[in-house]
Amino acid sequence: MSNIQTLPLEDIMGERFGRYSKYIIQERALPDIRDGLKPVQRRILYSMNKDGNTFDKAYRKSAKSVGNVMGNFHPHGDSSIYDAMIRLSQDWKMLEPLIEMHGNNGSMDGDPPAAMRYTE
C-alpha cells in the first residue's frame, strides 16, 4: 500500500517551478495595484510608523529601521530591505519620495548609496 509515484523529473520541476514563479511574481516582485508598493516597501513604512519614526520626529539610523523591519516583518536579509528603503527616498525614482533620509542615498548617475550605518 505505497503512495510513491514514479514521475519524470522534467514534469516535476516544470510544475513546481511554475508554482514558485507565480508566487514570486504575485506576492513579491510586482507592486500592488492599489498603492503601487511592493510588500517590502509596505512593511518598511508600516514598521517606521509603528515605531514612531514619522516626519515630525528626529532622524534615526537606517540600520535601526532595517533591523526593526527584518526582526518583525520581513526576515529576508538586510540588504533587500535597505535597498527598498533607499528607493523610497530617491526623488528620481519615486514621484513623491515616501522617506526623507540624511546622508548619501545614491545619485541619478548610478552612484551607490552609503552603507546603512552612515545614513539616517
C-alpha atoms as a PDB file:
ATOM      1  CA  MET A   1       0.000   0.000   0.000  1.00  0.00           C
ATOM      2  CA  SER A   2       2.510   2.581  -1.174  1.00  0.00           C
ATOM      3  CA  ASN A   3       1.626   6.029  -2.491  1.00  0.00           C
ATOM      4  CA  ILE A   4       5.009   6.562  -4.119  1.00  0.00           C
ATOM      5  CA  GLN A   5       4.710   7.650  -7.729  1.00  0.00           C
ATOM      6  CA  THR A   6       7.387   7.473 -10.371  1.00  0.00           C
ATOM      7  CA  LEU A   7       7.318  10.652 -12.462  1.00  0.00           C
ATOM      8  CA  PRO A   8       9.799  12.208 -14.885  1.00  0.00           C
ATOM      9  CA  LEU A   9      11.990  14.850 -13.265  1.00  0.00           C
ATOM     10  CA  GLU A  10      11.182  17.339 -16.054  1.00  0.00           C
ATOM     11  CA  ASP A  11       7.464  17.198 -15.226  1.00  0.00           C
ATOM     12  CA  ILE A  12       8.004  17.665 -11.507  1.00  0.00           C
ATOM     13  CA  MET A  13      10.471  20.538 -11.919  1.00  0.00           C
ATOM     14  CA  GLY A  14       8.292  22.273 -14.509  1.00  0.00           C
ATOM     15  CA  GLU A  15       5.197  22.144 -12.330  1.00  0.00           C
ATOM     16  CA  ARG A  16       6.967  23.149  -9.099  1.00  0.00           C
ATOM     17  CA  PHE A  17       8.903  25.967 -10.741  1.00  0.00           C
ATOM     18  CA  GLY A  18       5.678  27.221 -12.302  1.00  0.00           C
ATOM     19  CA  ARG A  19       4.033  27.426  -8.879  1.00  0.00           C
ATOM     20  CA  TYR A  20       7.067  29.092  -7.334  1.00  0.00           C
ATOM     21  CA  SER A  21       7.442  31.681 -10.093  1.00  0.00           C
ATOM     22  CA  LYS A  22       3.735  32.542  -9.908  1.00  0.00           C
ATOM     23  CA  TYR A  23       4.114  33.118  -6.158  1.00  0.00           C
ATOM     24  CA  ILE A  24       7.192  35.310  -6.658  1.00  0.00           C
ATOM     25  CA  ILE A  25       5.502  37.439  -9.307  1.00  0.00           C
ATOM     26  CA  GLN A  26       2.229  37.840  -7.435  1.00  0.00           C
ATOM     27  CA  GLU A  27       3.452  38.167  -3.865  1.00  0.00           C
ATOM     28  CA  ARG A  28       6.902  39.773  -4.052  1.00  0.00           C
ATOM     29  CA  ALA A  29       8.072  41.142  -7.375  1.00  0.00           C
ATOM     30  CA  LEU A  30       5.167  43.178  -8.713  1.00  0.00           C
ATOM     31  CA  PRO A  31       3.785  46.253  -6.991  1.00  0.00           C
ATOM     32  CA  ASP A  32       0.226  46.105  -5.699  1.00  0.00           C
ATOM     33  CA  ILE A  33      -2.282  47.839  -7.972  1.00  0.00           C
ATOM     34  CA  ARG A  34      -3.950  49.582  -5.007  1.00  0.00           C
ATOM     35  CA  ASP A  35      -0.978  51.654  -3.858  1.00  0.00           C
ATOM     36  CA  GLY A  36       1.950  50.827  -6.159  1.00  0.00           C
ATOM     37  CA  LEU A  37       4.049  49.429  -3.310  1.00  0.00           C
ATOM     38  CA  LYS A  38       5.847  46.117  -3.112  1.00  0.00           C
ATOM     39  CA  PRO A  39       5.365  44.104   0.089  1.00  0.00           C
ATOM     40  CA  VAL A  40       8.813  45.018   1.446  1.00  0.00           C
ATOM     41  CA  GLN A  41       8.103  48.721   0.905  1.00  0.00           C
ATOM     42  CA  ARG A  42       4.763  48.436   2.672  1.00  0.00           C
ATOM     43  CA  ARG A  43       6.437  46.627   5.581  1.00  0.00           C
ATOM     44  CA  ILE A  44       9.085  49.354   5.863  1.00  0.00           C
ATOM     45  CA  LEU A  45       6.507  52.137   6.028  1.00  0.00           C
ATOM     46  CA  TYR A  46       4.340  50.201   8.488  1.00  0.00           C
ATOM     47  CA  SER A  47       7.282  49.427  10.758  1.00  0.00           C
ATOM     48  CA  MET A  48       8.533  53.017  10.723  1.00  0.00           C
ATOM     49  CA  ASN A  49       5.061  54.303  11.576  1.00  0.00           C
ATOM     50  CA  LYS A  50       4.588  51.702  14.314  1.00  0.00           C
ATOM     51  CA  ASP A  51       7.942  52.654  15.863  1.00  0.00           C
ATOM     52  CA  GLY A  52       7.002  56.338  15.837  1.00  0.00           C
ATOM     53  CA  ASN A  53       9.547  57.181  13.140  1.00  0.00           C
ATOM     54  CA  THR A  54       7.453  59.914  11.497  1.00  0.00           C
ATOM     55  CA  PHE A  55       8.212  63.157   9.683  1.00  0.00           C
ATOM     56  CA  ASP A  56       7.863  65.322  12.789  1.00  0.00           C
ATOM     57  CA  LYS A  57      10.438  63.384  14.850  1.00  0.00           C
ATOM     58  CA  ALA A  58      14.239  63.334  14.834  1.00  0.00           C
ATOM     59  CA  TYR A  59      16.046  61.170  12.287  1.00  0.00           C
ATOM     60  CA  ARG A  60      17.040  57.612  13.219  1.00  0.00           C
ATOM     61  CA  LYS A  61      19.842  55.497  11.876  1.00  0.00           C
ATOM     62  CA  SER A  62      18.817  53.471   8.848  1.00  0.00           C
ATOM     63  CA  ALA A  63      20.348  50.366  10.409  1.00  0.00           C
ATOM     64  CA  LYS A  64      17.881  50.603  13.300  1.00  0.00           C
ATOM     65  CA  SER A  65      14.895  50.865  10.966  1.00  0.00           C
ATOM     66  CA  VAL A  66      16.194  47.999   8.822  1.00  0.00           C
ATOM     67  CA  GLY A  67      16.708  45.854  11.931  1.00  0.00           C
ATOM     68  CA  ASN A  68      13.172  46.531  13.142  1.00  0.00           C
ATOM     69  CA  VAL A  69      11.690  45.599   9.766  1.00  0.00           C
ATOM     70  CA  MET A  70      13.806  42.460   9.494  1.00  0.00           C
ATOM     71  CA  GLY A  71      13.106  41.378  13.057  1.00  0.00           C
ATOM     72  CA  ASN A  72       9.364  41.926  12.997  1.00  0.00           C
ATOM     73  CA  PHE A  73       8.031  41.740   9.457  1.00  0.00           C
ATOM     74  CA  HIS A  74      10.484  40.773   6.698  1.00  0.00           C
ATOM     75  CA  PRO A  75      13.110  38.143   7.650  1.00  0.00           C
ATOM     76  CA  HIS A  76      14.781  38.040   4.220  1.00  0.00           C
ATOM     77  CA  GLY A  77      18.053  39.877   4.766  1.00  0.00           C
ATOM     78  CA  ASP A  78      19.041  43.431   5.466  1.00  0.00           C
ATOM     79  CA  SER A  79      20.320  44.391   2.011  1.00  0.00           C
ATOM     80  CA  SER A  80      16.951  43.932   0.295  1.00  0.00           C
ATOM     81  CA  ILE A  81      15.255  45.997   3.000  1.00  0.00           C
ATOM     82  CA  TYR A  82      17.864  48.766   2.835  1.00  0.00           C
ATOM     83  CA  ASP A  83      17.720  48.858  -0.978  1.00  0.00           C
ATOM     84  CA  ALA A  84      13.940  49.246  -0.832  1.00  0.00           C
ATOM     85  CA  MET A  85      14.267  51.969   1.811  1.00  0.00           C
ATOM     86  CA  ILE A  86      16.768  53.849  -0.354  1.00  0.00           C
ATOM     87  CA  ARG A  87      14.449  53.609  -3.352  1.00  0.00           C
ATOM     88  CA  LEU A  88      11.596  55.080  -1.296  1.00  0.00           C
ATOM     89  CA  SER A  89      13.806  58.113  -0.560  1.00  0.00           C
ATOM     90  CA  GLN A  90      15.033  58.831  -4.101  1.00  0.00           C
ATOM     91  CA  ASP A  91      13.096  61.602  -5.820  1.00  0.00           C
ATOM     92  CA  TRP A  92      14.280  60.477  -9.268  1.00  0.00           C
ATOM     93  CA  LYS A  93      12.754  57.023  -8.761  1.00  0.00           C
ATOM     94  CA  MET A  94       9.586  57.921  -6.853  1.00  0.00           C
ATOM     95  CA  LEU A  95       7.148  60.609  -7.971  1.00  0.00           C
ATOM     96  CA  GLU A  96       6.810  61.558  -4.309  1.00  0.00           C
ATOM     97  CA  PRO A  97       9.543  60.192  -2.009  1.00  0.00           C
ATOM     98  CA  LEU A  98       7.930  58.471   0.965  1.00  0.00           C
ATOM     99  CA  ILE A  99      11.019  58.524   3.196  1.00  0.00           C
ATOM    100  CA  GLU A 100      13.269  61.502   3.890  1.00  0.00           C
ATOM    101  CA  MET A 101      16.863  60.490   4.531  1.00  0.00           C
ATOM    102  CA  HIS A 102      20.010  62.239   5.709  1.00  0.00           C
ATOM    103  CA  GLY A 103      23.219  61.092   4.126  1.00  0.00           C
ATOM    104  CA  ASN A 104      24.226  59.723   0.771  1.00  0.00           C
ATOM    105  CA  ASN A 105      21.296  57.863  -0.751  1.00  0.00           C
ATOM    106  CA  GLY A 106      22.875  57.419  -4.166  1.00  0.00           C
ATOM    107  CA  SER A 107      22.608  59.536  -7.278  1.00  0.00           C
ATOM    108  CA  MET A 108      20.820  59.625 -10.590  1.00  0.00           C
ATOM    109  CA  ASP A 109      24.146  58.764 -12.266  1.00  0.00           C
ATOM    110  CA  GLY A 110      24.231  55.352 -10.607  1.00  0.00           C
ATOM    111  CA  ASP A 111      26.486  56.117  -7.652  1.00  0.00           C
ATOM    112  CA  PRO A 112      25.666  53.667  -4.849  1.00  0.00           C
ATOM    113  CA  PRO A 113      24.222  54.843  -1.540  1.00  0.00           C
ATOM    114  CA  ALA A 114      26.313  54.898   1.611  1.00  0.00           C
ATOM    115  CA  ALA A 115      26.165  51.936   3.973  1.00  0.00           C
ATOM    116  CA  MET A 116      23.159  51.909   6.271  1.00  0.00           C
ATOM    117  CA  ARG A 117      25.287  52.684   9.311  1.00  0.00           C
ATOM    118  CA  TYR A 118      26.085  56.113   7.809  1.00  0.00           C
ATOM    119  CA  THR A 119      22.588  57.212   6.805  1.00  0.00           C
ATOM    120  CA  GLU A 120      19.620  58.342   8.832  1.00  0.00           C
END
